[in-house]
Amino acid sequence: MKKAVLFLAVMFVVGVSAQDTEPTFEKMGKMVKATYFHDNGEIAQTGYMLNGKLHGDWVMFNVEGKKIATGQYDNGVKTGKWFFWQNDELSEVDYSDNRVAQVKNWSQGDAVTVNQ
């Protein structure tokens, strides 16, 4: 009996402390909002899908929850300006037909304002 109680107690602690890292999908009109998680439970990326393809705004985060990238998809294709943050540097990447058309790098000393 003691072993059974100990087993149940251990299983309860493991179950309570485990992070739910399964992606979530929420229907929003014609689109589906998708949220993916890191193993630690922090959001890894979030965005929308249309007809099974990435579509609209997408935002990516590192394991600490800090934003590391943002951009847009159009029917599964990267489009327009994407922004990537790494340490004290911001990279602005212009996409055309899912290909990199232009890259600008900004350091912490440069005056940059990004409204997203």
Protein backbone atom coordinates (compact mmCIF):
# COMPACT_ATOMS: atom_id res chain seq x y z
CA MET A 1 0.00 0.00 0.00
CA LYS A 2 2.82 2.43 0.86
CA LYS A 3 4.42 1.79 -2.53
CA ALA A 4 1.13 2.54 -4.30
CA VAL A 5 0.68 5.82 -2.41
CA LEU A 6 4.31 6.81 -3.09
CA PHE A 7 3.86 5.97 -6.80
CA LEU A 8 0.69 8.08 -7.02
CA ALA A 9 2.39 10.99 -5.23
CA VAL A 10 5.34 10.89 -7.64
CA MET A 11 3.03 10.71 -10.66
CA PHE A 12 1.01 13.68 -9.35
CA VAL A 13 4.15 15.82 -8.92
CA VAL A 14 5.44 14.87 -12.38
CA GLY A 15 2.05 15.59 -13.95
CA VAL A 16 1.70 18.97 -12.26
CA SER A 17 5.24 20.13 -13.08
CA ALA A 18 5.24 19.00 -16.75
CA GLN A 19 4.85 21.81 -19.26
CA ASP A 20 2.23 21.51 -21.98
CA THR A 21 4.31 21.99 -25.12
CA GLU A 22 1.80 20.73 -27.66
CA PRO A 23 0.95 23.36 -30.30
CA THR A 24 -2.44 25.02 -30.07
CA PHE A 25 -4.73 25.88 -32.98
CA GLU A 26 -7.66 28.29 -32.72
CA LYS A 27 -10.10 28.92 -35.58
CA MET A 28 -10.56 32.64 -36.25
CA GLY A 29 -12.89 33.20 -39.19
CA LYS A 30 -11.30 31.67 -42.28
CA MET A 31 -7.88 31.55 -40.61
CA VAL A 32 -6.38 29.42 -37.85
CA LYS A 33 -4.16 30.96 -35.17
CA ALA A 34 -1.26 28.62 -34.41
CA THR A 35 0.95 28.79 -31.34
CA TYR A 36 4.04 26.58 -30.93
CA PHE A 37 5.95 26.18 -27.67
CA HIS A 38 9.53 25.53 -26.54
CA ASP A 39 10.13 22.55 -24.23
CA ASN A 40 10.13 24.93 -21.24
CA GLY A 41 6.56 26.05 -22.04
CA GLU A 42 7.51 29.49 -23.43
CA ILE A 43 5.95 30.45 -26.76
CA ALA A 44 8.31 29.64 -29.66
CA GLN A 45 6.22 31.16 -32.44
CA THR A 46 2.74 32.31 -33.16
CA GLY A 47 0.92 33.26 -36.32
CA TYR A 48 -1.86 32.38 -38.70
CA MET A 49 -2.64 29.76 -41.33
CA LEU A 50 -5.01 29.90 -44.26
CA ASN A 51 -5.93 26.69 -46.11
CA GLY A 52 -3.08 24.86 -44.34
CA LYS A 53 -0.41 27.41 -45.34
CA LEU A 54 1.35 30.04 -43.23
CA HIS A 55 -0.40 33.34 -43.83
CA GLY A 56 -0.27 36.78 -42.23
CA ASP A 57 1.82 37.96 -39.29
CA TRP A 58 4.25 35.56 -37.58
CA VAL A 59 6.33 36.24 -34.48
CA MET A 60 9.13 34.02 -33.12
CA PHE A 61 10.59 34.00 -29.59
CA ASN A 62 13.67 32.46 -27.97
CA VAL A 63 13.44 30.07 -24.99
CA GLU A 64 13.47 33.02 -22.56
CA GLY A 65 10.41 34.56 -24.27
CA LYS A 66 12.30 37.40 -25.99
CA LYS A 67 11.15 38.28 -29.53
CA ILE A 68 13.74 37.22 -32.11
CA ALA A 69 11.90 37.54 -35.44
CA THR A 70 8.76 38.96 -36.98
CA GLY A 71 7.39 39.03 -40.50
CA GLN A 72 4.58 38.06 -42.83
CA TYR A 73 3.66 35.13 -44.99
CA ASP A 74 1.39 35.30 -48.01
CA ASN A 75 -0.09 31.89 -48.77
CA GLY A 76 3.02 30.08 -47.44
CA VAL A 77 5.55 32.48 -48.96
CA LYS A 78 7.70 34.91 -46.95
CA THR A 79 6.92 38.43 -48.13
CA GLY A 80 7.81 42.03 -47.36
CA LYS A 81 10.03 43.15 -44.50
CA TRP A 82 11.10 40.70 -41.82
CA PHE A 83 13.01 41.71 -38.71
CA PHE A 84 15.49 39.49 -36.86
CA TRP A 85 16.98 40.39 -33.48
CA GLN A 86 20.23 38.84 -32.26
CA ASN A 87 21.99 40.31 -29.23
CA ASP A 88 22.36 44.04 -29.95
CA GLU A 89 21.84 43.76 -33.71
CA LEU A 90 18.67 44.10 -35.78
CA SER A 91 18.57 42.69 -39.30
CA GLU A 92 15.94 44.00 -41.69
CA VAL A 93 15.38 41.51 -44.50
CA ASP A 94 13.23 42.27 -47.55
CA TYR A 95 11.69 39.22 -49.20
CA SER A 96 10.43 38.99 -52.77
CA ASP A 97 8.97 35.71 -54.10
CA ASN A 98 10.17 33.90 -50.94
CA ARG A 99 13.77 34.98 -51.64
CA VAL A 100 15.97 37.48 -49.83
CA ALA A 101 16.01 40.67 -51.92
CA GLN A 102 17.88 42.97 -49.53
CA VAL A 103 19.41 42.89 -46.03
CA LYS A 104 20.15 45.85 -43.75
CA ASN A 105 21.88 45.38 -40.41
CA TRP A 106 21.50 47.84 -37.57
CA SER A 107 23.60 47.94 -34.42
CA GLN A 108 22.55 49.25 -31.02
CA GLY A 109 24.19 52.64 -31.77
CA ASP A 110 22.00 53.22 -34.85
CA ALA A 111 18.73 55.11 -34.40
CA VAL A 112 16.00 52.67 -35.43
CA THR A 113 12.30 52.54 -34.63
CA VAL A 114 10.30 49.45 -35.54
CA ASN A 115 6.55 49.49 -35.01
CA GLN A 116 5.18 45.96 -34.96
